[in-house]
Amino acid sequence: MPIPPQPSHGLHLMAELHGCGCAVAGLCDATWLRALCLAEVHRAGLHVVGELFHSFAPEHPETPAGVTGVLLLAESHLALHTWPELGLVTLDIYVCNRSHDAGPAARQVFKALVEHFAPQRVVHREVDRSAVCAAG
């Protein structure tokens, strides 16, 4: 029986998503990626306070170019970077909230985005940062 995650008032989720099976065009479209991230963050009950999504210019006209996107959250941030030519996405979600555990919301967003990108392989790290958030 799996052990349920313990409450954490500071959680940092990071992953490299290799061999993404989603459409390459989606990895190149900052507007679409922004909408996806906003929808999942709102669905999880997190609060956006700022944002920036940037599309890179392709090195060659026939080569797709990636996107870097950041949502600043009242709880901390979500950042992603895409390399469509490699089928790679890096994902970083950090939540820190002294009044309640935002970890389940972070995990919900993380799971939804990973499912969307449909990677063949995920390299995932999780850091409990409760002590940092509690120190305030």
N, C-alpha and C. Protein backbone atom coordinates (compact mmCIF):
# COMPACT_ATOMS: atom_id res chain seq x y z
N MET A 1 0.85 -1.17 0.00
CA MET A 1 0.00 0.00 0.00
C MET A 1 0.90 1.24 0.00
N PRO A 2 0.71 2.16 -0.97
CA PRO A 2 1.55 3.37 -1.02
C PRO A 2 1.29 4.27 0.19
N ILE A 3 2.35 4.92 0.63
CA ILE A 3 2.23 5.88 1.74
C ILE A 3 1.79 7.21 1.16
N PRO A 4 0.71 7.81 1.67
CA PRO A 4 0.26 9.09 1.12
C PRO A 4 1.29 10.18 1.43
N PRO A 5 1.38 11.19 0.54
CA PRO A 5 2.31 12.30 0.79
C PRO A 5 1.96 13.01 2.10
N GLN A 6 2.98 13.39 2.84
CA GLN A 6 2.80 14.12 4.08
C GLN A 6 2.53 15.60 3.77
N PRO A 7 1.80 16.31 4.64
CA PRO A 7 1.60 17.74 4.41
C PRO A 7 2.93 18.46 4.32
N SER A 8 3.00 19.38 3.38
CA SER A 8 4.23 20.14 3.18
C SER A 8 3.84 21.57 2.83
N HIS A 9 4.41 22.51 3.52
CA HIS A 9 4.11 23.90 3.21
C HIS A 9 5.11 24.49 2.24
N GLY A 10 6.01 23.65 1.74
CA GLY A 10 6.95 24.04 0.70
C GLY A 10 7.33 22.83 -0.12
N LEU A 11 6.99 22.83 -1.38
CA LEU A 11 7.23 21.67 -2.24
C LEU A 11 7.76 22.14 -3.59
N HIS A 12 8.85 21.55 -4.05
CA HIS A 12 9.45 21.88 -5.34
C HIS A 12 9.49 20.61 -6.17
N LEU A 13 8.75 20.61 -7.28
CA LEU A 13 8.68 19.49 -8.21
C LEU A 13 9.43 19.87 -9.47
N MET A 14 10.34 19.02 -9.92
CA MET A 14 11.13 19.29 -11.12
C MET A 14 11.17 18.03 -11.97
N ALA A 15 11.15 18.19 -13.29
CA ALA A 15 11.21 17.02 -14.15
C ALA A 15 11.74 17.38 -15.53
N GLU A 16 12.38 16.39 -16.14
CA GLU A 16 12.70 16.43 -17.56
C GLU A 16 11.80 15.38 -18.21
N LEU A 17 11.06 15.80 -19.20
CA LEU A 17 10.12 14.93 -19.91
C LEU A 17 10.72 14.61 -21.27
N HIS A 18 11.18 13.38 -21.45
CA HIS A 18 11.88 12.96 -22.67
C HIS A 18 10.94 12.21 -23.60
N GLY A 19 11.10 12.42 -24.89
CA GLY A 19 10.31 11.70 -25.88
C GLY A 19 8.84 12.04 -25.80
N CYS A 20 8.53 13.32 -25.68
CA CYS A 20 7.13 13.75 -25.55
C CYS A 20 6.33 13.34 -26.78
N GLY A 21 5.19 12.71 -26.53
CA GLY A 21 4.35 12.21 -27.60
C GLY A 21 3.28 13.18 -28.07
N CYS A 22 3.23 14.36 -27.47
CA CYS A 22 2.25 15.35 -27.91
C CYS A 22 2.69 15.93 -29.25
N ALA A 23 1.83 16.70 -29.88
CA ALA A 23 2.15 17.31 -31.17
C ALA A 23 3.32 18.28 -31.03
N VAL A 24 4.29 18.18 -31.94
CA VAL A 24 5.45 19.08 -31.93
C VAL A 24 4.99 20.53 -32.01
N ALA A 25 3.93 20.80 -32.79
CA ALA A 25 3.44 22.17 -32.93
C ALA A 25 3.06 22.76 -31.57
N GLY A 26 2.54 21.95 -30.67
CA GLY A 26 2.17 22.44 -29.34
C GLY A 26 3.37 22.86 -28.53
N LEU A 27 4.52 22.24 -28.76
CA LEU A 27 5.74 22.60 -28.04
C LEU A 27 6.35 23.89 -28.55
N CYS A 28 5.85 24.40 -29.66
CA CYS A 28 6.37 25.63 -30.28
C CYS A 28 5.43 26.82 -30.10
N ASP A 29 4.28 26.61 -29.54
CA ASP A 29 3.21 27.61 -29.51
C ASP A 29 3.06 28.21 -28.11
N ALA A 30 3.67 29.37 -27.90
CA ALA A 30 3.64 30.02 -26.59
C ALA A 30 2.22 30.34 -26.14
N THR A 31 1.36 30.76 -27.06
CA THR A 31 -0.02 31.10 -26.71
C THR A 31 -0.76 29.88 -26.21
N TRP A 32 -0.59 28.78 -26.90
CA TRP A 32 -1.26 27.54 -26.52
C TRP A 32 -0.72 27.00 -25.20
N LEU A 33 0.61 27.01 -25.02
CA LEU A 33 1.22 26.55 -23.77
C LEU A 33 0.78 27.41 -22.59
N ARG A 34 0.69 28.71 -22.81
CA ARG A 34 0.22 29.63 -21.77
C ARG A 34 -1.19 29.25 -21.33
N ALA A 35 -2.07 29.04 -22.31
CA ALA A 35 -3.46 28.69 -22.00
C ALA A 35 -3.53 27.36 -21.24
N LEU A 36 -2.73 26.40 -21.64
CA LEU A 36 -2.69 25.10 -20.96
C LEU A 36 -2.25 25.27 -19.51
N CYS A 37 -1.16 25.98 -19.29
CA CYS A 37 -0.64 26.17 -17.93
C CYS A 37 -1.62 26.96 -17.07
N LEU A 38 -2.20 28.03 -17.62
CA LEU A 38 -3.19 28.81 -16.86
C LEU A 38 -4.39 27.95 -16.47
N ALA A 39 -4.88 27.15 -17.40
CA ALA A 39 -6.04 26.31 -17.12
C ALA A 39 -5.75 25.33 -15.99
N GLU A 40 -4.59 24.69 -16.04
CA GLU A 40 -4.26 23.69 -15.00
C GLU A 40 -4.00 24.34 -13.65
N VAL A 41 -3.34 25.50 -13.63
CA VAL A 41 -3.09 26.21 -12.38
C VAL A 41 -4.41 26.66 -11.75
N HIS A 42 -5.30 27.22 -12.56
CA HIS A 42 -6.60 27.65 -12.04
C HIS A 42 -7.43 26.47 -11.56
N ARG A 43 -7.39 25.36 -12.32
CA ARG A 43 -8.14 24.16 -11.94
C ARG A 43 -7.68 23.64 -10.58
N ALA A 44 -6.40 23.80 -10.28
CA ALA A 44 -5.84 23.32 -9.01
C ALA A 44 -6.04 24.31 -7.86
N GLY A 45 -6.54 25.52 -8.17
CA GLY A 45 -6.80 26.50 -7.13
C GLY A 45 -5.60 27.35 -6.74
N LEU A 46 -4.57 27.38 -7.60
CA LEU A 46 -3.43 28.25 -7.35
C LEU A 46 -3.71 29.63 -7.95
N HIS A 47 -2.93 30.63 -7.58
CA HIS A 47 -3.25 32.03 -7.90
C HIS A 47 -2.12 32.69 -8.71
N VAL A 48 -2.42 33.03 -9.96
CA VAL A 48 -1.44 33.67 -10.85
C VAL A 48 -1.36 35.16 -10.52
N VAL A 49 -0.14 35.65 -10.36
CA VAL A 49 0.08 37.09 -10.11
C VAL A 49 0.91 37.74 -11.22
N GLY A 50 1.44 36.94 -12.15
CA GLY A 50 2.22 37.46 -13.27
C GLY A 50 2.55 36.33 -14.22
N GLU A 51 3.00 36.69 -15.42
CA GLU A 51 3.30 35.66 -16.41
C GLU A 51 4.17 36.20 -17.53
N LEU A 52 4.90 35.29 -18.17
CA LEU A 52 5.66 35.61 -19.37
C LEU A 52 5.90 34.31 -20.13
N PHE A 53 5.52 34.27 -21.38
CA PHE A 53 5.78 33.15 -22.27
C PHE A 53 6.48 33.70 -23.50
N HIS A 54 7.61 33.11 -23.84
CA HIS A 54 8.45 33.61 -24.93
C HIS A 54 8.72 32.50 -25.94
N SER A 55 8.44 32.78 -27.22
CA SER A 55 8.78 31.85 -28.30
C SER A 55 10.14 32.24 -28.87
N PHE A 56 11.00 31.26 -29.02
CA PHE A 56 12.31 31.52 -29.61
C PHE A 56 12.24 31.45 -31.12
N ALA A 57 13.08 32.20 -31.79
CA ALA A 57 13.16 32.16 -33.25
C ALA A 57 13.93 30.90 -33.65
N PRO A 58 13.48 30.22 -34.70
CA PRO A 58 14.19 29.02 -35.13
C PRO A 58 15.57 29.36 -35.71
N GLU A 59 16.53 28.47 -35.48
CA GLU A 59 17.87 28.66 -36.04
C GLU A 59 17.83 28.49 -37.55
N HIS A 60 16.97 27.59 -38.03
CA HIS A 60 16.78 27.33 -39.46
C HIS A 60 15.28 27.33 -39.72
N PRO A 61 14.84 27.83 -40.88
CA PRO A 61 13.40 27.92 -41.15
C PRO A 61 12.64 26.60 -40.99
N GLU A 62 13.29 25.47 -41.27
CA GLU A 62 12.61 24.18 -41.20
C GLU A 62 12.70 23.52 -39.81
N THR A 63 13.39 24.18 -38.89
CA THR A 63 13.57 23.63 -37.55
C THR A 63 12.62 24.30 -36.57
N PRO A 64 11.87 23.50 -35.79
CA PRO A 64 10.99 24.11 -34.80
C PRO A 64 11.80 24.75 -33.67
N ALA A 65 11.24 25.77 -33.07
CA ALA A 65 11.91 26.45 -31.96
C ALA A 65 11.04 26.33 -30.71
N GLY A 66 11.68 26.36 -29.57
CA GLY A 66 10.99 26.13 -28.31
C GLY A 66 10.41 27.37 -27.67
N VAL A 67 9.90 27.16 -26.49
CA VAL A 67 9.22 28.18 -25.70
C VAL A 67 9.74 28.10 -24.27
N THR A 68 9.88 29.26 -23.65
CA THR A 68 10.10 29.34 -22.21
C THR A 68 8.90 30.07 -21.64
N GLY A 69 8.31 29.49 -20.61
CA GLY A 69 7.13 30.11 -20.00
C GLY A 69 7.21 30.09 -18.49
N VAL A 70 6.73 31.17 -17.89
CA VAL A 70 6.72 31.28 -16.43
C VAL A 70 5.39 31.86 -15.98
N LEU A 71 4.79 31.22 -15.00
CA LEU A 71 3.66 31.79 -14.28
C LEU A 71 4.15 32.10 -12.88
N LEU A 72 4.08 33.36 -12.49
CA LEU A 72 4.38 33.72 -11.11
C LEU A 72 3.11 33.47 -10.31
N LEU A 73 3.24 32.74 -9.24
CA LEU A 73 2.09 32.38 -8.42
C LEU A 73 2.19 33.06 -7.07
N ALA A 74 1.07 33.35 -6.48
CA ALA A 74 1.08 33.84 -5.11
C ALA A 74 1.81 32.81 -4.24
N GLU A 75 1.69 31.54 -4.61
CA GLU A 75 2.33 30.45 -3.88
C GLU A 75 3.79 30.26 -4.28
N SER A 76 4.22 30.72 -5.44
CA SER A 76 5.61 30.73 -5.93
C SER A 76 5.65 30.76 -7.45
N HIS A 77 5.89 29.61 -8.15
CA HIS A 77 6.00 29.68 -9.60
C HIS A 77 5.79 28.34 -10.30
N LEU A 78 5.53 28.44 -11.60
CA LEU A 78 5.56 27.32 -12.53
C LEU A 78 6.42 27.80 -13.69
N ALA A 79 7.39 26.99 -14.09
CA ALA A 79 8.22 27.33 -15.25
C ALA A 79 8.32 26.11 -16.14
N LEU A 80 8.31 26.34 -17.45
CA LEU A 80 8.56 25.25 -18.39
C LEU A 80 9.40 25.75 -19.54
N HIS A 81 10.12 24.82 -20.12
CA HIS A 81 10.98 25.09 -21.27
C HIS A 81 10.79 23.93 -22.24
N THR A 82 10.62 24.23 -23.53
CA THR A 82 10.42 23.17 -24.51
C THR A 82 11.54 23.17 -25.54
N TRP A 83 11.89 21.99 -25.96
CA TRP A 83 12.83 21.76 -27.05
C TRP A 83 12.13 20.82 -28.03
N PRO A 84 11.31 21.36 -28.93
CA PRO A 84 10.52 20.51 -29.82
C PRO A 84 11.38 19.62 -30.72
N GLU A 85 12.55 20.11 -31.09
CA GLU A 85 13.43 19.32 -31.95
C GLU A 85 13.96 18.07 -31.25
N LEU A 86 13.90 18.06 -29.91
CA LEU A 86 14.34 16.91 -29.12
C LEU A 86 13.18 16.18 -28.46
N GLY A 87 11.95 16.72 -28.60
CA GLY A 87 10.80 16.14 -27.90
C GLY A 87 10.97 16.22 -26.39
N LEU A 88 11.54 17.34 -25.92
CA LEU A 88 11.90 17.49 -24.51
C LEU A 88 11.20 18.69 -23.90
N VAL A 89 10.72 18.50 -22.67
CA VAL A 89 10.15 19.59 -21.87
C VAL A 89 10.77 19.50 -20.48
N THR A 90 11.20 20.64 -19.95
CA THR A 90 11.57 20.67 -18.54
C THR A 90 10.47 21.41 -17.81
N LEU A 91 10.16 20.94 -16.62
CA LEU A 91 9.03 21.46 -15.85
C LEU A 91 9.48 21.69 -14.42
N ASP A 92 9.09 22.82 -13.87
CA ASP A 92 9.49 23.22 -12.52
C ASP A 92 8.27 23.87 -11.85
N ILE A 93 7.80 23.28 -10.78
CA ILE A 93 6.68 23.84 -10.03
C ILE A 93 7.09 23.93 -8.57
N TYR A 94 7.02 25.13 -8.03
CA TYR A 94 7.41 25.35 -6.64
C TYR A 94 6.26 26.07 -5.94
N VAL A 95 5.81 25.52 -4.82
CA VAL A 95 4.79 26.18 -4.01
C VAL A 95 5.29 26.30 -2.58
N CYS A 96 5.00 27.42 -2.00
CA CYS A 96 5.42 27.72 -0.63
C CYS A 96 4.33 28.57 -0.01
N ASN A 97 3.65 28.03 0.99
CA ASN A 97 2.56 28.77 1.60
C ASN A 97 2.53 28.42 3.08
N ARG A 98 2.73 29.41 3.92
CA ARG A 98 2.79 29.17 5.36
C ARG A 98 1.43 28.86 5.97
N SER A 99 0.34 29.29 5.34
CA SER A 99 -0.98 29.11 5.96
C SER A 99 -1.64 27.78 5.60
N HIS A 100 -1.27 27.17 4.48
CA HIS A 100 -1.87 25.88 4.13
C HIS A 100 -0.93 25.09 3.22
N ASP A 101 -1.19 23.81 3.09
CA ASP A 101 -0.39 22.91 2.27
C ASP A 101 -0.83 23.02 0.81
N ALA A 102 -0.01 23.64 -0.03
CA ALA A 102 -0.32 23.77 -1.46
C ALA A 102 0.28 22.61 -2.26
N GLY A 103 0.91 21.66 -1.56
CA GLY A 103 1.52 20.52 -2.24
C GLY A 103 0.56 19.72 -3.11
N PRO A 104 -0.65 19.39 -2.62
CA PRO A 104 -1.58 18.65 -3.47
C PRO A 104 -1.93 19.40 -4.77
N ALA A 105 -2.06 20.72 -4.70
CA ALA A 105 -2.35 21.51 -5.90
C ALA A 105 -1.17 21.44 -6.87
N ALA A 106 0.05 21.56 -6.34
CA ALA A 106 1.25 21.46 -7.19
C ALA A 106 1.32 20.10 -7.86
N ARG A 107 1.05 19.05 -7.10
CA ARG A 107 1.08 17.69 -7.67
C ARG A 107 0.00 17.52 -8.74
N GLN A 108 -1.17 18.13 -8.52
CA GLN A 108 -2.26 18.05 -9.50
C GLN A 108 -1.83 18.70 -10.82
N VAL A 109 -1.25 19.89 -10.76
CA VAL A 109 -0.79 20.59 -11.97
C VAL A 109 0.31 19.77 -12.65
N PHE A 110 1.26 19.31 -11.85
CA PHE A 110 2.38 18.54 -12.38
C PHE A 110 1.87 17.31 -13.13
N LYS A 111 0.98 16.54 -12.49
CA LYS A 111 0.45 15.33 -13.12
C LYS A 111 -0.29 15.65 -14.42
N ALA A 112 -1.10 16.69 -14.42
CA ALA A 112 -1.87 17.05 -15.62
C ALA A 112 -0.94 17.44 -16.77
N LEU A 113 0.10 18.22 -16.47
CA LEU A 113 1.02 18.64 -17.53
C LEU A 113 1.83 17.46 -18.06
N VAL A 114 2.30 16.60 -17.16
CA VAL A 114 3.04 15.42 -17.61
C VAL A 114 2.15 14.56 -18.51
N GLU A 115 0.91 14.34 -18.10
CA GLU A 115 -0.01 13.55 -18.93
C GLU A 115 -0.22 14.20 -20.29
N HIS A 116 -0.33 15.52 -20.31
CA HIS A 116 -0.53 16.20 -21.58
C HIS A 116 0.65 16.00 -22.53
N PHE A 117 1.87 16.15 -22.01
CA PHE A 117 3.05 16.05 -22.87
C PHE A 117 3.36 14.60 -23.26
N ALA A 118 2.81 13.64 -22.55
CA ALA A 118 2.92 12.21 -22.87
C ALA A 118 4.35 11.77 -23.12
N PRO A 119 5.24 11.98 -22.14
CA PRO A 119 6.63 11.58 -22.35
C PRO A 119 6.82 10.07 -22.29
N GLN A 120 7.86 9.60 -22.99
CA GLN A 120 8.24 8.20 -22.91
C GLN A 120 9.02 7.93 -21.63
N ARG A 121 9.73 8.96 -21.16
CA ARG A 121 10.55 8.82 -19.95
C ARG A 121 10.50 10.11 -19.15
N VAL A 122 10.38 9.98 -17.84
CA VAL A 122 10.33 11.13 -16.94
C VAL A 122 11.45 10.99 -15.92
N VAL A 123 12.27 12.04 -15.81
CA VAL A 123 13.25 12.13 -14.74
C VAL A 123 12.69 13.17 -13.78
N HIS A 124 12.35 12.72 -12.58
CA HIS A 124 11.56 13.54 -11.64
C HIS A 124 12.29 13.69 -10.32
N ARG A 125 12.27 14.89 -9.78
CA ARG A 125 12.82 15.16 -8.46
C ARG A 125 11.79 15.95 -7.66
N GLU A 126 11.79 15.70 -6.37
CA GLU A 126 10.87 16.38 -5.46
C GLU A 126 11.67 16.80 -4.24
N VAL A 127 11.55 18.07 -3.88
CA VAL A 127 12.27 18.61 -2.73
C VAL A 127 11.26 19.21 -1.76
N ASP A 128 11.33 18.76 -0.51
CA ASP A 128 10.50 19.33 0.53
C ASP A 128 11.20 20.60 1.04
N ARG A 129 10.55 21.72 0.88
CA ARG A 129 11.12 22.99 1.32
C ARG A 129 10.29 23.62 2.44
N SER A 130 9.66 22.78 3.24
CA SER A 130 8.83 23.27 4.35
C SER A 130 9.61 24.15 5.31
N ALA A 131 10.84 23.76 5.61
CA ALA A 131 11.65 24.51 6.57
C ALA A 131 11.91 25.93 6.06
N VAL A 132 12.16 26.06 4.76
CA VAL A 132 12.41 27.39 4.17
C VAL A 132 11.15 28.24 4.26
N CYS A 133 10.01 27.65 3.91
CA CYS A 133 8.75 28.41 3.93
C CYS A 133 8.33 28.76 5.35
N ALA A 134 8.59 27.88 6.29
CA ALA A 134 8.22 28.15 7.68
C ALA A 134 9.06 29.28 8.26
N ALA A 135 10.31 29.42 7.78
CA ALA A 135 11.20 30.46 8.30
C ALA A 135 10.74 31.84 7.86
N GLY A 136 10.06 31.86 6.68
CA GLY A 136 9.47 33.08 6.15
C GLY A 136 10.38 34.21 6.13
